[in-house]
Amino acid sequence: MVLRAYGLNNMYLDYSQISMPIDPDFPRNQQVIGKHMHSDGEHYHFVWGPGKLAEAAENEEVKSAYATRGEEITPLGSHGTMVAVDWDSCVADGACIEACPVQVFQWYRTEQDVPAKDVANATSAGTGSTVKEERKDYTDKADPIREHDCIWCMACVSVCPPQAVKVDQSNLEFHEKASGTFNESLSKGSAPPPHAH
């Protein structure tokens, strides 16, 4: 099976050729474990899990930052559906934040300095930092709070050192099904169904 994600100019990444810590088929292999709301009342992204201890749990900077805070590293899952960040693999490098031309991502702790496990069902305004070096520390995570603004350029996917980011417009179907807004008759046409929110 070849999984493709289309970006600008109909270019695509063939995920069968890339070794990825984020499960390229996470919407099929995981379930919704949270809904991270945007404070505008209209937009949100799902959190998929269960998570698993991965790259972040092995990274020395991340482990040290968690120890300094007195927080435990626990499985967190993936934030987002069409633009997804595996928070268990994210090591707070910030390359995705820096590369994104439309500021889809923010450092979640720069808006709400709470443990990552508490963000799965939180509401955020999207006022966190979008500057690579402004993370609170290495417990911070790139949050796709403005997933709905993605232009499918794939810049974030190509620069993430642990390959914790997946961008795939075809995951809209999973987002809409989880939202209860999926329309089967619209999905049979050649154009993707409209995004309901």
C-alpha atoms as a PDB file:
ATOM      1  CA  MET A   1       0.000   0.000   0.000  1.00  0.00           C
ATOM      2  CA  VAL A   2       1.335   3.447  -0.892  1.00  0.00           C
ATOM      3  CA  LEU A   3       0.207   6.265   1.379  1.00  0.00           C
ATOM      4  CA  ARG A   4       0.496   9.666  -0.221  1.00  0.00           C
ATOM      5  CA  ALA A   5       0.017  13.136   1.141  1.00  0.00           C
ATOM      6  CA  TYR A   6      -0.449  15.866  -1.436  1.00  0.00           C
ATOM      7  CA  GLY A   7       1.040  19.308  -0.991  1.00  0.00           C
ATOM      8  CA  LEU A   8       1.319  22.380  -3.158  1.00  0.00           C
ATOM      9  CA  ASN A   9       1.554  21.859  -6.923  1.00  0.00           C
ATOM     10  CA  ASN A  10       0.234  18.294  -6.552  1.00  0.00           C
ATOM     11  CA  MET A  11       3.601  17.157  -5.211  1.00  0.00           C
ATOM     12  CA  TYR A  12       3.367  14.262  -2.790  1.00  0.00           C
ATOM     13  CA  LEU A  13       5.350  12.409  -0.217  1.00  0.00           C
ATOM     14  CA  ASP A  14       5.238   8.636  -0.519  1.00  0.00           C
ATOM     15  CA  TYR A  15       5.066   7.526   3.113  1.00  0.00           C
ATOM     16  CA  SER A  16       5.949   3.936   2.193  1.00  0.00           C
ATOM     17  CA  GLN A  17       9.486   5.213   1.510  1.00  0.00           C
ATOM     18  CA  ILE A  18       9.877   7.081   4.793  1.00  0.00           C
ATOM     19  CA  SER A  19      10.528   5.535   8.181  1.00  0.00           C
ATOM     20  CA  MET A  20       8.277   7.495  10.515  1.00  0.00           C
ATOM     21  CA  PRO A  21       7.836   7.381  14.266  1.00  0.00           C
ATOM     22  CA  ILE A  22       4.329   8.771  13.783  1.00  0.00           C
ATOM     23  CA  ASP A  23       2.098   5.941  12.634  1.00  0.00           C
ATOM     24  CA  PRO A  24       1.257   6.894   9.018  1.00  0.00           C
ATOM     25  CA  ASP A  25      -2.104   5.183   9.455  1.00  0.00           C
ATOM     26  CA  PHE A  26      -2.894   6.497  12.944  1.00  0.00           C
ATOM     27  CA  PRO A  27      -6.560   7.391  12.230  1.00  0.00           C
ATOM     28  CA  ARG A  28      -7.227   3.736  11.420  1.00  0.00           C
ATOM     29  CA  ASN A  29      -5.018   2.294  14.166  1.00  0.00           C
ATOM     30  CA  GLN A  30      -5.955   4.637  16.998  1.00  0.00           C
ATOM     31  CA  GLN A  31      -9.050   6.273  18.404  1.00  0.00           C
ATOM     32  CA  VAL A  32      -9.994   9.774  19.445  1.00  0.00           C
ATOM     33  CA  ILE A  33      -8.962  10.320  23.068  1.00  0.00           C
ATOM     34  CA  GLY A  34      -9.472  14.085  23.229  1.00  0.00           C
ATOM     35  CA  LYS A  35     -10.689  17.205  21.488  1.00  0.00           C
ATOM     36  CA  HIS A  36      -8.433  20.271  21.783  1.00  0.00           C
ATOM     37  CA  MET A  37     -10.663  23.270  21.181  1.00  0.00           C
ATOM     38  CA  HIS A  38      -9.677  26.645  19.766  1.00  0.00           C
ATOM     39  CA  SER A  39     -11.212  29.476  21.792  1.00  0.00           C
ATOM     40  CA  ASP A  40     -12.891  30.868  18.664  1.00  0.00           C
ATOM     41  CA  GLY A  41     -15.562  28.218  19.329  1.00  0.00           C
ATOM     42  CA  GLU A  42     -15.399  26.978  15.750  1.00  0.00           C
ATOM     43  CA  HIS A  43     -12.075  25.201  15.270  1.00  0.00           C
ATOM     44  CA  TYR A  44     -10.531  22.251  17.046  1.00  0.00           C
ATOM     45  CA  HIS A  45      -8.340  19.259  16.475  1.00  0.00           C
ATOM     46  CA  PHE A  46      -8.632  15.738  17.749  1.00  0.00           C
ATOM     47  CA  VAL A  47      -6.105  13.929  19.902  1.00  0.00           C
ATOM     48  CA  TRP A  48      -5.516  10.319  18.832  1.00  0.00           C
ATOM     49  CA  GLY A  49      -4.306   7.491  21.037  1.00  0.00           C
ATOM     50  CA  PRO A  50      -3.467   5.582  22.949  1.00  0.00           C
ATOM     51  CA  GLY A  51       0.012   7.030  22.863  1.00  0.00           C
ATOM     52  CA  LYS A  52       3.239   5.143  23.438  1.00  0.00           C
ATOM     53  CA  LEU A  53       6.572   6.027  24.982  1.00  0.00           C
ATOM     54  CA  ALA A  54       8.782   6.869  22.012  1.00  0.00           C
ATOM     55  CA  GLU A  55      11.605   9.228  20.962  1.00  0.00           C
ATOM     56  CA  ALA A  56      10.770  11.919  23.519  1.00  0.00           C
ATOM     57  CA  ALA A  57      11.117   9.422  26.386  1.00  0.00           C
ATOM     58  CA  GLU A  58      14.639   8.560  25.190  1.00  0.00           C
ATOM     59  CA  ASN A  59      15.879  12.104  24.530  1.00  0.00           C
ATOM     60  CA  GLU A  60      18.233  13.365  27.257  1.00  0.00           C
ATOM     61  CA  GLU A  61      17.133  17.021  26.993  1.00  0.00           C
ATOM     62  CA  VAL A  62      13.483  16.003  27.235  1.00  0.00           C
ATOM     63  CA  LYS A  63      14.088  13.644  30.183  1.00  0.00           C
ATOM     64  CA  SER A  64      16.073  16.317  32.012  1.00  0.00           C
ATOM     65  CA  ALA A  65      13.347  18.948  31.460  1.00  0.00           C
ATOM     66  CA  TYR A  66      10.642  16.607  32.774  1.00  0.00           C
ATOM     67  CA  ALA A  67      12.779  15.796  35.833  1.00  0.00           C
ATOM     68  CA  THR A  68      13.379  19.511  36.511  1.00  0.00           C
ATOM     69  CA  ARG A  69       9.616  20.110  36.456  1.00  0.00           C
ATOM     70  CA  GLY A  70       8.906  17.027  38.568  1.00  0.00           C
ATOM     71  CA  GLU A  71       6.628  15.689  35.826  1.00  0.00           C
ATOM     72  CA  GLU A  72       6.456  12.118  34.595  1.00  0.00           C
ATOM     73  CA  ILE A  73       6.860  11.252  30.922  1.00  0.00           C
ATOM     74  CA  THR A  74       3.624   9.506  29.966  1.00  0.00           C
ATOM     75  CA  PRO A  75       2.101   8.445  26.619  1.00  0.00           C
ATOM     76  CA  LEU A  76       0.332  11.439  25.057  1.00  0.00           C
ATOM     77  CA  GLY A  77      -0.848  10.426  21.567  1.00  0.00           C
ATOM     78  CA  SER A  78      -0.992  12.544  18.419  1.00  0.00           C
ATOM     79  CA  HIS A  79      -2.510  16.020  18.184  1.00  0.00           C
ATOM     80  CA  GLY A  80      -4.315  16.811  14.934  1.00  0.00           C
ATOM     81  CA  THR A  81      -5.725  14.745  12.086  1.00  0.00           C
ATOM     82  CA  MET A  82      -4.832  16.388   8.754  1.00  0.00           C
ATOM     83  CA  VAL A  83      -1.807  18.007  10.425  1.00  0.00           C
ATOM     84  CA  ALA A  84      -0.743  15.590  13.142  1.00  0.00           C
ATOM     85  CA  VAL A  85       2.122  15.773  15.622  1.00  0.00           C
ATOM     86  CA  ASP A  86       2.977  12.641  17.580  1.00  0.00           C
ATOM     87  CA  TRP A  87       3.608  14.198  20.994  1.00  0.00           C
ATOM     88  CA  ASP A  88       5.329  10.981  22.123  1.00  0.00           C
ATOM     89  CA  SER A  89       7.939  11.468  19.391  1.00  0.00           C
ATOM     90  CA  CYS A  90       8.167  15.293  19.509  1.00  0.00           C
ATOM     91  CA  VAL A  91      11.420  16.389  21.171  1.00  0.00           C
ATOM     92  CA  ALA A  92      10.611  20.138  21.096  1.00  0.00           C
ATOM     93  CA  ASP A  93      13.095  20.856  18.328  1.00  0.00           C
ATOM     94  CA  GLY A  94      10.837  23.530  16.805  1.00  0.00           C
ATOM     95  CA  ALA A  95      11.814  22.990  13.173  1.00  0.00           C
ATOM     96  CA  CYS A  96       8.151  22.550  12.202  1.00  0.00           C
ATOM     97  CA  ILE A  97       7.211  25.804  13.940  1.00  0.00           C
ATOM     98  CA  GLU A  98       9.989  27.663  12.133  1.00  0.00           C
ATOM     99  CA  ALA A  99       9.239  26.103   8.721  1.00  0.00           C
ATOM    100  CA  CYS A 100       5.477  26.672   8.659  1.00  0.00           C
ATOM    101  CA  PRO A 101       4.621  29.682   6.471  1.00  0.00           C
ATOM    102  CA  VAL A 102       1.118  30.092   7.953  1.00  0.00           C
ATOM    103  CA  GLN A 103       1.839  29.455  11.649  1.00  0.00           C
ATOM    104  CA  VAL A 104      -0.233  26.308  12.060  1.00  0.00           C
ATOM    105  CA  PHE A 105       1.815  25.392  15.155  1.00  0.00           C
ATOM    106  CA  GLN A 106       2.440  27.009  18.505  1.00  0.00           C
ATOM    107  CA  TRP A 107       4.418  25.975  21.571  1.00  0.00           C
ATOM    108  CA  TYR A 108       1.524  24.876  23.758  1.00  0.00           C
ATOM    109  CA  ARG A 109       3.280  25.677  27.071  1.00  0.00           C
ATOM    110  CA  THR A 110       3.855  29.312  26.067  1.00  0.00           C
ATOM    111  CA  GLU A 111       0.075  29.764  26.246  1.00  0.00           C
ATOM    112  CA  GLN A 112      -0.830  27.266  28.973  1.00  0.00           C
ATOM    113  CA  ASP A 113       2.035  26.030  31.129  1.00  0.00           C
ATOM    114  CA  VAL A 114       0.416  22.757  32.209  1.00  0.00           C
ATOM    115  CA  PRO A 115       1.489  19.122  31.824  1.00  0.00           C
ATOM    116  CA  ALA A 116       0.986  17.849  28.251  1.00  0.00           C
ATOM    117  CA  LYS A 117      -1.487  15.200  29.408  1.00  0.00           C
ATOM    118  CA  ASP A 118      -3.839  18.021  30.466  1.00  0.00           C
ATOM    119  CA  VAL A 119      -4.054  19.531  26.970  1.00  0.00           C
ATOM    120  CA  ALA A 120      -6.014  16.707  25.287  1.00  0.00           C
ATOM    121  CA  ASN A 121      -9.377  18.261  26.208  1.00  0.00           C
ATOM    122  CA  ALA A 122      -8.280  21.853  26.794  1.00  0.00           C
ATOM    123  CA  THR A 123      -9.277  25.061  25.042  1.00  0.00           C
ATOM    124  CA  SER A 124      -6.518  27.283  23.635  1.00  0.00           C
ATOM    125  CA  ALA A 125      -6.639  30.717  22.045  1.00  0.00           C
ATOM    126  CA  GLY A 126      -3.683  30.148  19.733  1.00  0.00           C
ATOM    127  CA  THR A 127      -1.700  32.905  21.436  1.00  0.00           C
ATOM    128  CA  GLY A 128       1.341  30.733  22.197  1.00  0.00           C
ATOM    129  CA  SER A 129       4.706  31.430  20.639  1.00  0.00           C
ATOM    130  CA  THR A 130       5.361  30.553  17.021  1.00  0.00           C
ATOM    131  CA  VAL A 131       9.098  31.170  17.323  1.00  0.00           C
ATOM    132  CA  LYS A 132      11.368  28.116  17.318  1.00  0.00           C
ATOM    133  CA  GLU A 133      13.601  29.137  20.222  1.00  0.00           C
ATOM    134  CA  GLU A 134      10.780  30.375  22.467  1.00  0.00           C
ATOM    135  CA  ARG A 135       9.758  26.971  23.826  1.00  0.00           C
ATOM    136  CA  LYS A 136       9.352  26.946  27.609  1.00  0.00           C
ATOM    137  CA  ASP A 137      11.701  23.965  27.822  1.00  0.00           C
ATOM    138  CA  TYR A 138      12.010  20.527  26.248  1.00  0.00           C
ATOM    139  CA  THR A 139       8.711  19.349  27.776  1.00  0.00           C
ATOM    140  CA  ASP A 140       6.940  21.735  25.380  1.00  0.00           C
ATOM    141  CA  LYS A 141       5.273  20.341  22.253  1.00  0.00           C
ATOM    142  CA  ALA A 142       4.422  21.703  18.825  1.00  0.00           C
ATOM    143  CA  ASP A 143       0.647  22.040  18.885  1.00  0.00           C
ATOM    144  CA  PRO A 144      -1.216  22.237  15.528  1.00  0.00           C
ATOM    145  CA  ILE A 145      -3.719  24.690  17.045  1.00  0.00           C
ATOM    146  CA  ARG A 146      -4.396  26.238  13.632  1.00  0.00           C
ATOM    147  CA  GLU A 147      -4.605  22.940  11.716  1.00  0.00           C
ATOM    148  CA  HIS A 148      -7.447  24.478   9.692  1.00  0.00           C
ATOM    149  CA  ASP A 149      -5.012  27.067   8.225  1.00  0.00           C
ATOM    150  CA  CYS A 150      -2.629  24.497   6.690  1.00  0.00           C
ATOM    151  CA  ILE A 151      -1.759  25.087   3.017  1.00  0.00           C
ATOM    152  CA  TRP A 152      -0.369  21.541   2.540  1.00  0.00           C
ATOM    153  CA  CYS A 153       3.165  22.681   1.689  1.00  0.00           C
ATOM    154  CA  MET A 154       4.698  19.802   3.721  1.00  0.00           C
ATOM    155  CA  ALA A 155       7.552  21.984   5.036  1.00  0.00           C
ATOM    156  CA  CYS A 156       6.971  20.770   8.602  1.00  0.00           C
ATOM    157  CA  VAL A 157       7.121  17.108   7.580  1.00  0.00           C
ATOM    158  CA  SER A 158      10.407  17.541   5.763  1.00  0.00           C
ATOM    159  CA  VAL A 159      12.242  19.271   8.644  1.00  0.00           C
ATOM    160  CA  CYS A 160      11.128  17.390  11.767  1.00  0.00           C
ATOM    161  CA  PRO A 161      14.206  15.556  13.138  1.00  0.00           C
ATOM    162  CA  PRO A 162      12.288  12.687  14.807  1.00  0.00           C
ATOM    163  CA  GLN A 163       9.721  12.606  11.950  1.00  0.00           C
ATOM    164  CA  ALA A 164       6.878  13.212  14.361  1.00  0.00           C
ATOM    165  CA  VAL A 165       4.707  15.202  11.910  1.00  0.00           C
ATOM    166  CA  LYS A 166       2.303  13.895   9.297  1.00  0.00           C
ATOM    167  CA  VAL A 167       0.318  16.112   6.920  1.00  0.00           C
ATOM    168  CA  ASP A 168      -2.347  14.382   4.878  1.00  0.00           C
ATOM    169  CA  GLN A 169      -5.449  16.026   3.418  1.00  0.00           C
ATOM    170  CA  SER A 170      -7.074  12.630   2.934  1.00  0.00           C
ATOM    171  CA  ASN A 171      -7.337  12.341   6.731  1.00  0.00           C
ATOM    172  CA  LEU A 172     -10.142  14.912   6.512  1.00  0.00           C
ATOM    173  CA  GLU A 173     -12.535  11.968   6.210  1.00  0.00           C
ATOM    174  CA  PHE A 174     -11.425  10.655   9.629  1.00  0.00           C
ATOM    175  CA  HIS A 175     -11.745  14.134  11.141  1.00  0.00           C
ATOM    176  CA  GLU A 176     -15.254  14.535   9.725  1.00  0.00           C
ATOM    177  CA  LYS A 177     -16.320  11.052  10.864  1.00  0.00           C
ATOM    178  CA  ALA A 178     -15.061  11.758  14.388  1.00  0.00           C
ATOM    179  CA  SER A 179     -16.898  15.115  14.276  1.00  0.00           C
ATOM    180  CA  GLY A 180     -20.124  13.507  13.108  1.00  0.00           C
ATOM    181  CA  THR A 181     -20.175  15.726  10.001  1.00  0.00           C
ATOM    182  CA  PHE A 182     -19.023  13.245   7.354  1.00  0.00           C
ATOM    183  CA  ASN A 183     -21.347  13.080   4.353  1.00  0.00           C
ATOM    184  CA  GLU A 184     -20.989   9.791   2.472  1.00  0.00           C
ATOM    185  CA  SER A 185     -22.722  11.081  -0.671  1.00  0.00           C
ATOM    186  CA  LEU A 186     -20.353  14.071  -0.908  1.00  0.00           C
ATOM    187  CA  SER A 187     -17.342  11.798  -0.470  1.00  0.00           C
ATOM    188  CA  LYS A 188     -18.093   9.933  -3.693  1.00  0.00           C
ATOM    189  CA  GLY A 189     -17.377  12.975  -5.893  1.00  0.00           C
ATOM    190  CA  SER A 190     -13.980  13.925  -7.257  1.00  0.00           C
ATOM    191  CA  ALA A 191     -13.528  16.887  -4.930  1.00  0.00           C
ATOM    192  CA  PRO A 192     -12.881  16.399  -1.216  1.00  0.00           C
ATOM    193  CA  PRO A 193     -15.881  17.073   1.020  1.00  0.00           C
ATOM    194  CA  PRO A 194     -16.036  20.567   2.490  1.00  0.00           C
ATOM    195  CA  HIS A 195     -14.442  21.024   5.894  1.00  0.00           C
ATOM    196  CA  ALA A 196     -17.352  21.548   8.259  1.00  0.00           C
ATOM    197  CA  HIS A 197     -15.630  23.939  10.640  1.00  0.00           C
END
